[in-house]
Amino acid sequence: MARQNDSTVTEFVLEGLTDRPELQLPLFLLFLGIYGVTVMRNLGVILLITFNSKLQSPKYFFLGNLSFLDLFYSSVITPKLMENFVWEQNVISYPGCMTQLFFFCFFATAECYMLTAMAYDRYVAICSALLYNVTMSPKVCSVLVTGVYTMASIGAVPFTISMIMLFFCEDNVIHHYFCDILPLLKLSCSITYINELLVVLVGGFNVLATIMAIIISYAFILCNILQIPSAEGKSKAFSTCGSHLTAVGFFYGSIIFMYFKPSSSSNMAQEKVASVFYTTVIPMLNPLIYSWRNKEVRNVLSKAIGMRYGPLQGSN
């Protein structure tokens, strides 16, 4: 592999989602709205959990960190995506592209491990309810979250360094709306075997290890729930896991579709749609899936709004 400073490319042009002029304004407004909702919802969750004493349990500690990840994960991608609808050419510098690649890999990997930590939290809450506060102590929660960010760094650094080492020739148009691994590899003049191997080994390990941990956690949870005698108890236990399973299905489904399907079935339009889903839509949906459907969070939010603007009309 050649070194980056031998490359003739100093900037890249992002192709964007579409080149149809009639769609530029509607798509810009759509993604502006999505990003605005993403920022407000995730920032709202972070502030609620940080400043409300009733939301200081391990469950909400992990939820706050997930909202932090979603907020910055979306911010790495969506603003640059919106530029595609404003400028005739959406140019990104070589250092800017590599920086975006690093943070994309970092936050995507961190999301995988954060969802795994949350699955473990649900496992302890249901299978060891009496020991929950002891098992999920503040120290244990801090160690788990530190592990999440450590694994994210370990996952992002190899992809970024190996990409910097590649040689890029005259073709600098990235057929995507952000600096993703696979579209960049298609532009390189170098042999990309090591980079492709990293996608399979490092990316495959991160996805497989976290999915297996989540599956094992829920296997134990399911066995425990089936032993609950009352239907009401089973329903309550299932409801505590429903939001997490929904988020896991959306996130991992789009990731697997994007990176682990046969190359013969590759379709750029489908890949862009899948990428929009896990980089833009999921960060917007997660606060809704986890928080706004949560009765405890809704009560805290209603009280906060009531203190600021007076009681909500129709509230008890």
Protein backbone atom coordinates (compact mmCIF):
# COMPACT_ATOMS: atom_id res chain seq x y z
CA MET A 1 0.00 0.00 0.00
CA ALA A 2 1.17 3.48 -0.82
CA ARG A 3 1.40 6.29 1.67
CA GLN A 4 -1.22 9.04 1.71
CA ASN A 5 1.25 11.83 0.96
CA ASP A 6 1.99 10.19 -2.42
CA SER A 7 -1.70 10.42 -3.40
CA THR A 8 -2.74 12.85 -6.14
CA VAL A 9 -6.15 13.42 -4.55
CA THR A 10 -6.46 16.32 -2.09
CA GLU A 11 -10.25 16.41 -1.98
CA PHE A 12 -13.27 14.26 -2.79
CA VAL A 13 -16.65 15.02 -4.32
CA LEU A 14 -19.63 13.38 -2.63
CA GLU A 15 -22.19 12.23 -5.19
CA GLY A 16 -25.10 12.49 -2.77
CA LEU A 17 -28.42 10.69 -2.72
CA THR A 18 -29.78 11.88 -6.05
CA ASP A 19 -28.93 14.19 -8.93
CA ARG A 20 -32.56 14.95 -9.83
CA PRO A 21 -33.06 18.75 -9.44
CA GLU A 22 -36.77 18.51 -8.56
CA LEU A 23 -35.94 16.42 -5.49
CA GLN A 24 -33.23 18.64 -4.04
CA LEU A 25 -35.45 21.05 -2.07
CA PRO A 26 -37.94 18.45 -0.75
CA LEU A 27 -35.10 16.17 0.39
CA PHE A 28 -33.25 19.07 1.99
CA LEU A 29 -36.34 20.03 3.98
CA LEU A 30 -36.97 16.38 4.89
CA PHE A 31 -33.47 15.79 6.25
CA LEU A 32 -33.41 19.21 7.93
CA GLY A 33 -36.54 18.18 9.79
CA ILE A 34 -35.13 14.75 10.65
CA TYR A 35 -31.90 16.26 11.95
CA GLY A 36 -33.74 18.89 13.96
CA VAL A 37 -35.93 16.24 15.59
CA THR A 38 -32.87 14.05 16.22
CA VAL A 39 -31.02 16.85 18.00
CA MET A 40 -34.01 17.94 20.09
CA ARG A 41 -35.06 14.44 21.12
CA ASN A 42 -31.61 13.14 22.00
CA LEU A 43 -30.57 16.36 23.73
CA GLY A 44 -33.86 16.30 25.61
CA VAL A 45 -33.22 12.75 26.82
CA ILE A 46 -29.68 13.65 27.94
CA LEU A 47 -30.89 16.72 29.87
CA LEU A 48 -33.80 14.87 31.49
CA ILE A 49 -31.59 12.02 32.67
CA THR A 50 -28.79 14.31 33.81
CA PHE A 51 -30.87 16.72 35.88
CA ASN A 52 -33.72 14.56 37.19
CA SER A 53 -33.09 12.49 40.30
CA LYS A 54 -35.83 10.00 39.40
CA LEU A 55 -33.94 8.90 36.27
CA GLN A 56 -30.63 7.95 37.87
CA SER A 57 -30.94 4.15 37.51
CA PRO A 58 -28.51 2.08 35.36
CA LYS A 59 -31.18 1.71 32.68
CA TYR A 60 -31.32 5.47 32.13
CA PHE A 61 -27.56 5.84 32.49
CA PHE A 62 -27.14 3.62 29.43
CA LEU A 63 -30.01 5.34 27.65
CA GLY A 64 -28.36 8.71 28.18
CA ASN A 65 -25.13 7.42 26.68
CA LEU A 66 -27.03 5.96 23.72
CA SER A 67 -28.64 9.36 23.11
CA PHE A 68 -25.19 10.96 23.30
CA LEU A 69 -23.94 8.52 20.65
CA ASP A 70 -26.98 9.06 18.42
CA LEU A 71 -26.66 12.84 18.67
CA PHE A 72 -23.06 12.90 17.49
CA TYR A 73 -23.43 9.92 15.14
CA SER A 74 -26.11 11.81 13.22
CA SER A 75 -24.11 15.06 13.38
CA VAL A 76 -21.13 13.39 11.69
CA ILE A 77 -23.22 12.46 8.65
CA THR A 78 -26.43 14.48 8.25
CA PRO A 79 -25.11 18.08 7.92
CA LYS A 80 -22.76 17.00 5.12
CA LEU A 81 -25.63 15.09 3.51
CA MET A 82 -27.77 18.24 3.45
CA GLU A 83 -25.00 20.12 1.64
CA ASN A 84 -25.58 17.80 -1.31
CA PHE A 85 -28.97 19.43 -1.82
CA VAL A 86 -27.61 22.99 -1.63
CA TRP A 87 -24.33 23.03 -3.56
CA GLU A 88 -23.77 21.92 -7.13
CA GLN A 89 -20.70 19.97 -5.97
CA ASN A 90 -20.37 18.79 -2.39
CA VAL A 91 -16.61 18.84 -1.86
CA ILE A 92 -14.89 17.39 1.18
CA SER A 93 -11.15 17.68 1.79
CA TYR A 94 -8.97 14.58 2.14
CA PRO A 95 -8.37 15.19 5.88
CA GLY A 96 -12.07 15.97 6.34
CA CYS A 97 -13.02 12.73 4.61
CA MET A 98 -10.69 10.65 6.78
CA THR A 99 -11.97 12.42 9.90
CA GLN A 100 -15.57 11.69 8.93
CA LEU A 101 -14.64 8.05 8.26
CA PHE A 102 -13.04 7.72 11.70
CA PHE A 103 -15.99 9.18 13.61
CA PHE A 104 -18.49 7.21 11.53
CA CYS A 105 -16.68 3.96 12.39
CA PHE A 106 -16.29 5.06 16.02
CA PHE A 107 -19.95 5.89 16.64
CA ALA A 108 -21.29 2.92 14.64
CA THR A 109 -19.09 0.52 16.65
CA ALA A 110 -19.97 2.24 19.91
CA GLU A 111 -23.67 1.87 19.11
CA CYS A 112 -23.20 -1.91 18.73
CA TYR A 113 -21.51 -2.26 22.11
CA MET A 114 -23.89 0.15 23.85
CA LEU A 115 -26.86 -1.93 22.68
CA THR A 116 -25.03 -4.97 24.07
CA ALA A 117 -24.50 -3.29 27.44
CA MET A 118 -28.18 -2.40 27.51
CA ALA A 119 -29.09 -6.04 26.77
CA TYR A 120 -26.96 -7.10 29.74
CA ASP A 121 -28.72 -4.52 31.89
CA ARG A 122 -32.11 -6.00 30.90
CA TYR A 123 -30.80 -9.51 31.61
CA VAL A 124 -29.78 -8.53 35.16
CA ALA A 125 -33.04 -6.61 35.74
CA ILE A 126 -35.19 -9.61 34.83
CA CYS A 127 -33.08 -12.62 35.78
CA SER A 128 -31.48 -11.22 38.96
CA ALA A 129 -33.98 -8.58 40.02
CA LEU A 130 -33.20 -8.82 43.74
CA LEU A 131 -29.49 -8.23 43.12
CA TYR A 132 -29.97 -5.63 40.38
CA ASN A 133 -28.75 -2.58 42.32
CA VAL A 134 -25.72 -4.51 43.57
CA THR A 135 -24.81 -6.10 40.23
CA MET A 136 -25.38 -2.91 38.22
CA SER A 137 -23.60 -0.59 40.64
CA PRO A 138 -22.37 2.82 39.42
CA LYS A 139 -18.84 1.42 39.20
CA VAL A 140 -19.94 -1.51 37.03
CA CYS A 141 -21.96 0.80 34.77
CA SER A 142 -18.98 3.13 34.36
CA VAL A 143 -16.71 0.19 33.50
CA LEU A 144 -19.19 -1.05 30.89
CA VAL A 145 -19.51 2.35 29.24
CA THR A 146 -15.73 2.84 29.30
CA GLY A 147 -15.44 -0.55 27.60
CA VAL A 148 -17.92 0.59 24.95
CA TYR A 149 -15.84 3.64 24.00
CA THR A 150 -12.61 1.65 24.18
CA MET A 151 -13.92 -0.98 21.76
CA ALA A 152 -15.21 1.79 19.50
CA SER A 153 -11.72 3.32 19.34
CA ILE A 154 -10.12 -0.06 18.68
CA GLY A 155 -12.66 -0.63 15.91
CA ALA A 156 -12.29 2.77 14.22
CA VAL A 157 -8.49 3.22 14.25
CA PRO A 158 -7.55 0.24 11.99
CA PHE A 159 -10.08 1.25 9.31
CA THR A 160 -8.88 4.85 9.29
CA ILE A 161 -5.15 4.10 9.27
CA SER A 162 -5.46 1.46 6.56
CA MET A 163 -7.49 3.90 4.44
CA ILE A 164 -4.91 6.67 4.89
CA MET A 165 -2.24 4.30 3.61
CA LEU A 166 -4.06 3.77 0.30
CA PHE A 167 -3.19 5.58 -2.92
CA PHE A 168 -5.96 7.57 -4.66
CA CYS A 169 -5.58 8.58 -8.30
CA GLU A 170 -7.53 11.02 -10.47
CA ASP A 171 -11.03 9.71 -9.83
CA ASN A 172 -12.23 11.50 -6.70
CA VAL A 173 -16.02 11.17 -6.95
CA ILE A 174 -17.36 9.11 -4.04
CA HIS A 175 -20.58 7.43 -5.15
CA HIS A 176 -22.20 7.96 -1.81
CA TYR A 177 -23.30 10.84 0.44
CA PHE A 178 -20.50 10.41 3.01
CA CYS A 179 -17.01 8.92 3.29
CA ASP A 180 -17.87 5.28 3.85
CA ILE A 181 -15.38 2.40 3.69
CA LEU A 182 -16.61 0.49 0.65
CA PRO A 183 -17.15 3.47 -1.71
CA LEU A 184 -13.65 4.76 -0.84
CA LEU A 185 -12.09 1.37 -1.55
CA LYS A 186 -13.62 1.42 -5.04
CA LEU A 187 -11.73 4.66 -5.79
CA SER A 188 -8.32 3.47 -4.67
CA CYS A 189 -5.53 2.62 -7.10
CA SER A 190 -3.84 0.44 -4.48
CA ILE A 191 -4.43 -3.17 -3.61
CA THR A 192 -7.25 -3.10 -1.08
CA TYR A 193 -6.99 -6.68 0.14
CA ILE A 194 -5.96 -5.69 3.68
CA ASN A 195 -8.78 -3.14 3.91
CA GLU A 196 -11.34 -5.67 2.74
CA LEU A 197 -9.93 -8.19 5.20
CA LEU A 198 -10.35 -5.65 8.02
CA VAL A 199 -14.01 -5.18 7.09
CA VAL A 200 -14.55 -8.92 7.41
CA LEU A 201 -12.39 -9.50 10.50
CA VAL A 202 -12.80 -6.34 12.59
CA GLY A 203 -16.26 -5.41 11.38
CA GLY A 204 -17.40 -9.02 11.45
CA PHE A 205 -16.06 -9.51 14.98
CA ASN A 206 -17.80 -6.38 16.29
CA VAL A 207 -21.13 -7.34 14.75
CA LEU A 208 -20.94 -11.06 15.56
CA ALA A 209 -19.64 -10.62 19.11
CA THR A 210 -22.30 -8.08 20.04
CA ILE A 211 -25.13 -9.97 18.33
CA MET A 212 -24.16 -13.21 20.09
CA ALA A 213 -24.00 -11.43 23.45
CA ILE A 214 -27.45 -9.94 22.86
CA ILE A 215 -28.88 -13.31 21.74
CA ILE A 216 -27.45 -15.08 24.81
CA SER A 217 -28.82 -12.36 27.12
CA TYR A 218 -32.28 -12.69 25.63
CA ALA A 219 -32.18 -16.48 25.68
CA PHE A 220 -31.74 -16.30 29.47
CA ILE A 221 -34.39 -13.57 29.67
CA LEU A 222 -36.88 -15.68 27.70
CA CYS A 223 -36.28 -18.73 29.89
CA ASN A 224 -36.85 -16.60 32.98
CA ILE A 225 -40.01 -14.97 31.62
CA LEU A 226 -41.54 -18.33 30.71
CA GLN A 227 -41.23 -19.33 34.38
CA ILE A 228 -43.34 -16.37 35.53
CA PRO A 229 -46.75 -17.79 36.50
CA SER A 230 -48.98 -14.77 35.83
CA ALA A 231 -49.80 -13.46 32.35
CA GLU A 232 -49.55 -9.90 33.68
CA GLY A 233 -46.01 -10.55 34.94
CA LYS A 234 -44.98 -12.02 31.61
CA SER A 235 -46.46 -9.07 29.73
CA LYS A 236 -44.65 -6.57 31.97
CA ALA A 237 -41.35 -8.41 31.53
CA PHE A 238 -41.74 -8.54 27.76
CA SER A 239 -42.62 -4.83 27.63
CA THR A 240 -39.31 -3.91 29.29
CA CYS A 241 -37.44 -5.63 26.44
CA GLY A 242 -39.61 -4.67 23.47
CA SER A 243 -38.06 -1.27 22.85
CA HIS A 244 -34.52 -2.61 23.01
CA LEU A 245 -35.29 -5.51 20.64
CA THR A 246 -36.90 -3.10 18.16
CA ALA A 247 -33.82 -0.85 18.13
CA VAL A 248 -31.48 -3.86 17.82
CA GLY A 249 -33.46 -5.24 14.88
CA PHE A 250 -33.48 -1.94 12.98
CA PHE A 251 -29.79 -1.17 13.56
CA TYR A 252 -28.26 -4.59 12.94
CA GLY A 253 -30.58 -5.35 10.04
CA SER A 254 -29.43 -2.30 8.08
CA ILE A 255 -25.75 -2.82 9.02
CA ILE A 256 -25.76 -6.47 7.88
CA PHE A 257 -27.59 -5.56 4.66
CA MET A 258 -25.01 -2.87 3.88
CA TYR A 259 -21.71 -4.61 4.67
CA PHE A 260 -22.20 -8.38 4.76
CA LYS A 261 -24.21 -9.22 1.66
CA PRO A 262 -22.63 -10.86 -1.44
CA SER A 263 -20.86 -8.36 -3.71
CA SER A 264 -22.77 -9.78 -6.70
CA SER A 265 -26.02 -8.42 -5.22
CA SER A 266 -24.58 -4.93 -4.67
CA ASN A 267 -26.93 -2.10 -5.63
CA MET A 268 -25.87 1.47 -4.88
CA ALA A 269 -29.41 2.81 -4.60
CA GLN A 270 -30.31 0.14 -2.04
CA GLU A 271 -27.06 0.74 -0.16
CA LYS A 272 -27.80 4.46 0.08
CA VAL A 273 -31.28 3.78 1.45
CA ALA A 274 -29.86 1.35 4.02
CA SER A 275 -27.19 3.90 4.96
CA VAL A 276 -29.78 6.66 5.41
CA PHE A 277 -31.69 4.35 7.71
CA TYR A 278 -28.85 3.54 10.13
CA THR A 279 -27.04 6.88 9.99
CA THR A 280 -29.99 9.29 9.99
CA VAL A 281 -33.34 7.66 10.72
CA ILE A 282 -32.35 5.35 13.62
CA PRO A 283 -30.72 8.16 15.68
CA MET A 284 -34.04 9.99 15.36
CA LEU A 285 -36.16 6.95 16.26
CA ASN A 286 -34.17 5.65 19.25
CA PRO A 287 -35.36 8.35 21.70
CA LEU A 288 -38.94 7.65 20.60
CA ILE A 289 -38.52 3.87 20.88
CA TYR A 290 -36.83 4.00 24.28
CA SER A 291 -37.94 7.13 26.04
CA TRP A 292 -41.08 8.79 24.83
CA ARG A 293 -42.93 5.45 25.08
CA ASN A 294 -41.64 5.04 28.65
CA LYS A 295 -44.24 6.03 31.24
CA GLU A 296 -41.63 7.14 33.78
CA VAL A 297 -39.92 9.43 31.26
CA ARG A 298 -43.25 10.82 30.09
CA ASN A 299 -44.25 11.65 33.67
CA VAL A 300 -40.93 13.40 34.32
CA LEU A 301 -41.25 15.32 31.05
CA SER A 302 -44.85 16.36 31.82
CA LYS A 303 -43.79 17.65 35.24
CA ALA A 304 -40.86 19.55 33.73
CA ILE A 305 -43.13 21.18 31.15
CA GLY A 306 -45.73 21.87 33.84
CA MET A 307 -43.15 23.65 36.01
CA ARG A 308 -42.08 25.79 33.06
CA TYR A 309 -45.40 26.52 31.34
CA GLY A 310 -48.05 25.41 33.83
CA PRO A 311 -50.01 22.15 33.93
CA LEU A 312 -50.69 20.52 30.56
CA GLN A 313 -54.32 20.69 29.50
CA GLY A 314 -56.04 17.41 30.25
CA SER A 315 -53.28 16.11 32.51
CA ASN A 316 -54.15 14.43 35.84
